[in-house]
Amino acid sequence: MNTIPLLFNDPTPYVAPSDWTPLYFLSIVLVVLIVFVVIVGGFLLFLVRRNKRESESRDVRETMFTAPPGTESERVPAPSNQPHKLPLSKPSQSQIAEDSQPRPAIFIAYRRDDSIDVTGRIYDRLCQHFGKQNVFKDVDSIPLGVDFRKHLGDSVGQCDVLLTVIGRHWLAGDSGHRRLDDVHDFVRIEMEAALKRNIPLVPVLVQGASMPSLEDLPEILQSLVYRNGIPVRPDPDFHQDMDRLIKGIEGYLKNTSNS
């Protein structure tokens, strides 16, 4: 064993570090852990106290700006910067009825077995531009159980423009008879209603069809041949022709609104 000379006449020899026992190292580690726990504990205690003080301060502020129980009804509302609005006048019954039944501006008369495909495209373009509530397409909009003759006549009378879609089989009927000779024919009822009310009637020629002649029409509808029509061709000319048709309809609607 290595020894160091005695100091102050201490009979106990000093033991060199190489001879220290494991218990000595364990003691050092334990001291370090205790110091670490004390530091961490002090820091956590500081955080807890700070949070508690902030919570108490927040409660005090809320108490200062909160009315005591039972005084909510006595609290005076804060002044508003919004201008005071006077109550609107109560609408009349006639106004309510008029608003609940929007007026269709455009009526489309056509035959299903003649031009249902192109009429559907025309209807979609008109709805896209004028709104669906402003376009009426015959039997699709007729309520069940009503007299279709009266309903069609009334609907046409509420419109500003009537479009008659004429295809290649518009005149043809069963057994070689003209459809327009039948007084119950939908298209005839719609066209008669427009002519009697002096509503603009626009022939829309599709599928390469041409205007009917005087001999092709009943006498009550013969004025149709003097109406200026417009062809609506298939693609690639469809949208160009529809633009022209929409522009013409807008002119009718503008004149109606001005009058």
Protein backbone atom coordinates (compact mmCIF):
# COMPACT_ATOMS: atom_id res chain seq x y z
CA MET A 1 0.00 0.00 0.00
CA ASN A 2 1.30 3.43 -0.91
CA THR A 3 1.21 5.95 1.88
CA ILE A 4 1.82 9.66 2.22
CA PRO A 5 3.87 11.13 5.06
CA LEU A 6 1.84 11.93 8.16
CA LEU A 7 0.62 15.46 8.70
CA PHE A 8 -0.07 16.96 12.10
CA ASN A 9 0.98 13.71 13.75
CA ASP A 10 -2.19 11.93 12.41
CA PRO A 11 -1.56 8.23 12.94
CA THR A 12 -4.12 7.30 10.20
CA PRO A 13 -2.37 6.85 6.89
CA TYR A 14 -3.90 8.51 3.81
CA VAL A 15 -5.24 6.05 1.31
CA ALA A 16 -4.46 6.72 -2.33
CA PRO A 17 -7.41 7.16 -4.76
CA SER A 18 -6.63 3.88 -6.41
CA ASP A 19 -7.60 2.14 -3.18
CA TRP A 20 -11.02 3.90 -2.74
CA THR A 21 -13.93 1.51 -2.35
CA PRO A 22 -17.06 1.43 -4.63
CA LEU A 23 -19.06 2.79 -1.72
CA TYR A 24 -17.21 6.06 -2.07
CA PHE A 25 -18.27 6.46 -5.72
CA LEU A 26 -21.84 5.54 -4.84
CA SER A 27 -21.87 8.31 -2.23
CA ILE A 28 -20.72 10.85 -4.80
CA VAL A 29 -23.42 9.80 -7.26
CA LEU A 30 -26.06 10.01 -4.54
CA VAL A 31 -24.99 13.55 -3.65
CA VAL A 32 -25.17 14.62 -7.28
CA LEU A 33 -28.67 13.15 -7.62
CA ILE A 34 -29.85 14.92 -4.49
CA VAL A 35 -28.54 18.25 -5.79
CA PHE A 36 -30.26 17.64 -9.14
CA VAL A 37 -33.57 16.77 -7.49
CA VAL A 38 -33.41 19.88 -5.35
CA ILE A 39 -32.77 22.12 -8.37
CA VAL A 40 -35.53 20.54 -10.44
CA GLY A 41 -37.95 20.60 -7.53
CA GLY A 42 -37.26 24.25 -6.88
CA PHE A 43 -37.86 25.08 -10.54
CA LEU A 44 -41.15 23.17 -10.61
CA LEU A 45 -42.27 24.86 -7.42
CA PHE A 46 -41.53 28.22 -8.99
CA LEU A 47 -43.67 27.37 -12.03
CA VAL A 48 -46.56 26.19 -9.86
CA ARG A 49 -46.54 29.36 -7.80
CA ARG A 50 -46.35 31.57 -10.89
CA ASN A 51 -49.31 29.81 -12.52
CA LYS A 52 -51.27 30.14 -9.31
CA ARG A 53 -50.62 33.87 -9.15
CA GLU A 54 -51.67 34.32 -12.78
CA SER A 55 -54.87 32.35 -12.17
CA GLU A 56 -55.73 34.43 -9.13
CA SER A 57 -55.06 37.63 -11.05
CA ARG A 58 -57.34 36.49 -13.91
CA ASP A 59 -60.12 35.61 -11.49
CA VAL A 60 -59.87 39.06 -9.96
CA ARG A 61 -60.18 40.74 -13.37
CA GLU A 62 -63.20 38.63 -14.28
CA THR A 63 -64.83 39.46 -10.98
CA MET A 64 -64.29 43.16 -11.54
CA PHE A 65 -65.99 43.14 -14.97
CA THR A 66 -68.78 40.68 -14.19
CA ALA A 67 -72.06 41.88 -12.79
CA PRO A 68 -73.19 40.37 -9.50
CA PRO A 69 -75.72 37.54 -9.69
CA GLY A 70 -79.28 38.69 -10.32
CA THR A 71 -78.31 41.98 -12.00
CA GLU A 72 -78.12 40.77 -15.61
CA SER A 73 -81.55 42.21 -16.39
CA GLU A 74 -80.47 45.60 -15.05
CA ARG A 75 -77.38 45.81 -17.20
CA VAL A 76 -77.57 48.63 -19.75
CA PRO A 77 -76.69 47.45 -23.26
CA ALA A 78 -73.68 49.00 -24.90
CA PRO A 79 -74.48 51.63 -27.51
CA SER A 80 -74.39 50.30 -31.05
CA ASN A 81 -72.81 52.08 -34.00
CA GLN A 82 -75.29 50.49 -36.39
CA PRO A 83 -77.99 52.89 -37.66
CA HIS A 84 -81.46 52.26 -36.41
CA LYS A 85 -83.58 50.48 -39.02
CA LEU A 86 -87.24 51.26 -39.26
CA PRO A 87 -89.53 48.25 -39.69
CA LEU A 88 -90.47 47.57 -43.28
CA SER A 89 -94.08 47.97 -44.29
CA LYS A 90 -96.06 44.76 -44.42
CA PRO A 91 -96.39 43.50 -48.00
CA SER A 92 -99.87 43.36 -49.42
CA GLN A 93 -101.56 40.11 -50.35
CA SER A 94 -101.23 40.91 -54.05
CA GLN A 95 -97.49 41.43 -53.67
CA ILE A 96 -97.15 38.12 -51.83
CA ALA A 97 -99.05 36.30 -54.54
CA GLU A 98 -97.00 37.95 -57.27
CA ASP A 99 -93.70 37.09 -55.56
CA SER A 100 -94.73 33.49 -54.94
CA GLN A 101 -95.46 32.99 -58.65
CA PRO A 102 -92.49 34.22 -60.68
CA ARG A 103 -93.40 35.32 -64.15
CA PRO A 104 -91.84 33.19 -66.90
CA ALA A 105 -90.44 35.49 -69.57
CA ILE A 106 -89.85 32.88 -72.30
CA PHE A 107 -92.19 30.10 -73.43
CA ILE A 108 -90.89 27.21 -75.56
CA ALA A 109 -93.42 25.35 -77.73
CA TYR A 110 -92.16 22.15 -79.37
CA ARG A 111 -93.06 18.57 -80.23
CA ARG A 112 -91.37 15.81 -78.28
CA ASP A 113 -91.11 13.36 -81.19
CA ASP A 114 -89.89 16.11 -83.48
CA SER A 115 -87.14 18.01 -81.67
CA ILE A 116 -86.85 16.94 -78.03
CA ASP A 117 -83.06 16.60 -78.19
CA VAL A 118 -82.20 20.01 -79.60
CA THR A 119 -84.99 21.66 -77.62
CA GLY A 120 -83.35 20.37 -74.45
CA ARG A 121 -80.09 22.07 -75.43
CA ILE A 122 -81.92 25.29 -76.28
CA TYR A 123 -83.75 25.17 -72.94
CA ASP A 124 -80.48 24.66 -71.03
CA ARG A 125 -78.82 27.65 -72.71
CA LEU A 126 -81.81 29.89 -72.03
CA CYS A 127 -81.96 28.79 -68.38
CA GLN A 128 -78.26 29.43 -68.02
CA HIS A 129 -78.63 32.97 -69.32
CA PHE A 130 -82.09 34.08 -68.10
CA GLY A 131 -82.61 31.77 -65.11
CA LYS A 132 -84.71 28.63 -64.91
CA GLN A 133 -87.63 30.46 -63.29
CA ASN A 134 -87.95 32.62 -66.42
CA VAL A 135 -88.22 29.80 -68.98
CA PHE A 136 -91.39 27.69 -69.42
CA LYS A 137 -91.24 24.44 -71.39
CA ASP A 138 -94.84 23.22 -72.03
CA VAL A 139 -96.04 19.98 -70.45
CA ASP A 140 -93.00 19.61 -68.16
CA SER A 141 -94.39 22.47 -66.05
CA ILE A 142 -98.14 21.73 -66.15
CA PRO A 143 -99.53 20.74 -62.71
CA LEU A 144 -101.43 17.49 -62.46
CA GLY A 145 -105.21 17.57 -62.70
CA VAL A 146 -105.67 20.96 -64.35
CA ASP A 147 -107.22 21.81 -67.72
CA PHE A 148 -104.15 21.91 -69.95
CA ARG A 149 -105.86 24.19 -72.48
CA LYS A 150 -106.54 26.89 -69.91
CA HIS A 151 -103.19 26.38 -68.21
CA LEU A 152 -101.26 26.65 -71.46
CA GLY A 153 -103.21 29.74 -72.50
CA ASP A 154 -102.64 31.42 -69.13
CA SER A 155 -98.95 30.53 -69.13
CA VAL A 156 -98.42 31.89 -72.62
CA GLY A 157 -100.27 35.06 -71.61
CA GLN A 158 -97.78 35.64 -68.79
CA CYS A 159 -94.76 35.37 -71.06
CA ASP A 160 -93.01 38.05 -73.05
CA VAL A 161 -91.77 35.85 -75.90
CA LEU A 162 -92.90 32.52 -77.34
CA LEU A 163 -90.41 30.34 -79.19
CA THR A 164 -91.83 27.74 -81.59
CA VAL A 165 -89.23 25.06 -82.28
CA ILE A 166 -89.86 23.69 -85.80
CA GLY A 167 -88.15 20.48 -86.90
CA ARG A 168 -88.47 18.31 -89.98
CA HIS A 169 -91.54 16.48 -88.61
CA TRP A 170 -93.26 19.45 -87.01
CA LEU A 171 -96.21 19.38 -89.45
CA ALA A 172 -96.48 15.61 -89.96
CA GLY A 173 -99.26 13.70 -88.18
CA ASP A 174 -100.86 10.26 -88.07
CA SER A 175 -102.71 9.00 -91.14
CA GLY A 176 -101.40 11.88 -93.22
CA HIS A 177 -103.34 14.53 -91.29
CA ARG A 178 -101.69 17.72 -90.15
CA ARG A 179 -101.30 17.98 -86.39
CA LEU A 180 -102.16 21.65 -86.41
CA ASP A 181 -105.64 20.83 -87.73
CA ASP A 182 -106.43 19.28 -84.33
CA VAL A 183 -107.91 21.95 -82.06
CA HIS A 184 -106.55 20.03 -79.06
CA ASP A 185 -102.97 20.04 -80.33
CA PHE A 186 -100.68 21.53 -77.66
CA VAL A 187 -98.57 23.51 -80.12
CA ARG A 188 -101.66 24.96 -81.79
CA ILE A 189 -103.13 26.01 -78.41
CA GLU A 190 -99.87 27.71 -77.42
CA MET A 191 -99.45 29.53 -80.74
CA GLU A 192 -103.08 30.67 -80.80
CA ALA A 193 -102.72 32.08 -77.28
CA ALA A 194 -99.64 34.05 -78.30
CA LEU A 195 -101.18 35.42 -81.48
CA LYS A 196 -104.41 36.46 -79.72
CA ARG A 197 -102.43 38.33 -77.07
CA ASN A 198 -100.06 39.89 -79.61
CA ILE A 199 -97.09 38.23 -77.91
CA PRO A 200 -93.93 38.05 -80.04
CA LEU A 201 -93.77 34.60 -81.67
CA VAL A 202 -90.33 33.52 -82.89
CA PRO A 203 -89.99 30.46 -85.15
CA VAL A 204 -86.82 28.54 -84.26
CA LEU A 205 -85.83 26.31 -87.16
CA VAL A 206 -83.83 23.20 -86.25
CA GLN A 207 -82.63 20.06 -88.07
CA GLY A 208 -82.39 22.05 -91.30
CA ALA A 209 -86.14 22.63 -91.40
CA SER A 210 -87.62 25.54 -93.34
CA MET A 211 -90.55 27.85 -92.62
CA PRO A 212 -93.96 26.33 -93.37
CA SER A 213 -96.02 27.87 -96.17
CA LEU A 214 -99.49 29.35 -95.92
CA GLU A 215 -100.98 26.13 -97.28
CA ASP A 216 -99.29 24.14 -94.49
CA LEU A 217 -101.04 26.06 -91.70
CA PRO A 218 -104.65 26.47 -90.52
CA GLU A 219 -106.06 29.88 -91.25
CA ILE A 220 -105.84 30.98 -87.62
CA LEU A 221 -102.07 30.32 -87.61
CA GLN A 222 -101.15 31.57 -91.08
CA SER A 223 -99.63 34.78 -89.71
CA LEU A 224 -96.74 32.60 -88.52
CA VAL A 225 -95.21 32.65 -92.00
CA TYR A 226 -94.70 36.42 -91.68
CA ARG A 227 -92.79 36.10 -88.39
CA ASN A 228 -89.06 36.54 -88.62
CA GLY A 229 -87.47 33.26 -87.53
CA ILE A 230 -83.96 32.11 -86.75
CA PRO A 231 -82.18 28.83 -87.55
CA VAL A 232 -80.36 27.00 -84.76
CA ARG A 233 -77.87 24.66 -86.36
CA PRO A 234 -76.02 21.76 -84.74
CA ASP A 235 -72.42 22.02 -83.61
CA PRO A 236 -70.12 23.75 -84.33
CA ASP A 237 -72.67 26.54 -85.03
CA PHE A 238 -75.08 25.84 -82.16
CA HIS A 239 -73.71 28.27 -79.58
CA GLN A 240 -73.20 31.00 -82.17
CA ASP A 241 -76.84 30.72 -83.25
CA MET A 242 -77.98 30.63 -79.61
CA ASP A 243 -76.08 33.84 -78.93
CA ARG A 244 -78.04 35.51 -81.71
CA LEU A 245 -81.32 34.13 -80.37
CA ILE A 246 -80.54 35.30 -76.82
CA LYS A 247 -79.64 38.76 -78.09
CA GLY A 248 -82.97 38.99 -79.93
CA ILE A 249 -84.90 37.84 -76.85
CA GLU A 250 -83.14 40.44 -74.72
CA GLY A 251 -84.37 43.09 -77.13
CA TYR A 252 -87.97 41.92 -76.64
CA LEU A 253 -87.59 41.88 -72.86
CA LYS A 254 -86.03 45.33 -72.84
CA ASN A 255 -88.87 46.79 -74.89
CA THR A 256 -91.41 45.10 -72.60
CA SER A 257 -89.79 46.50 -69.45
CA ASN A 258 -89.65 50.01 -70.92
CA SER A 259 -93.31 49.92 -71.86
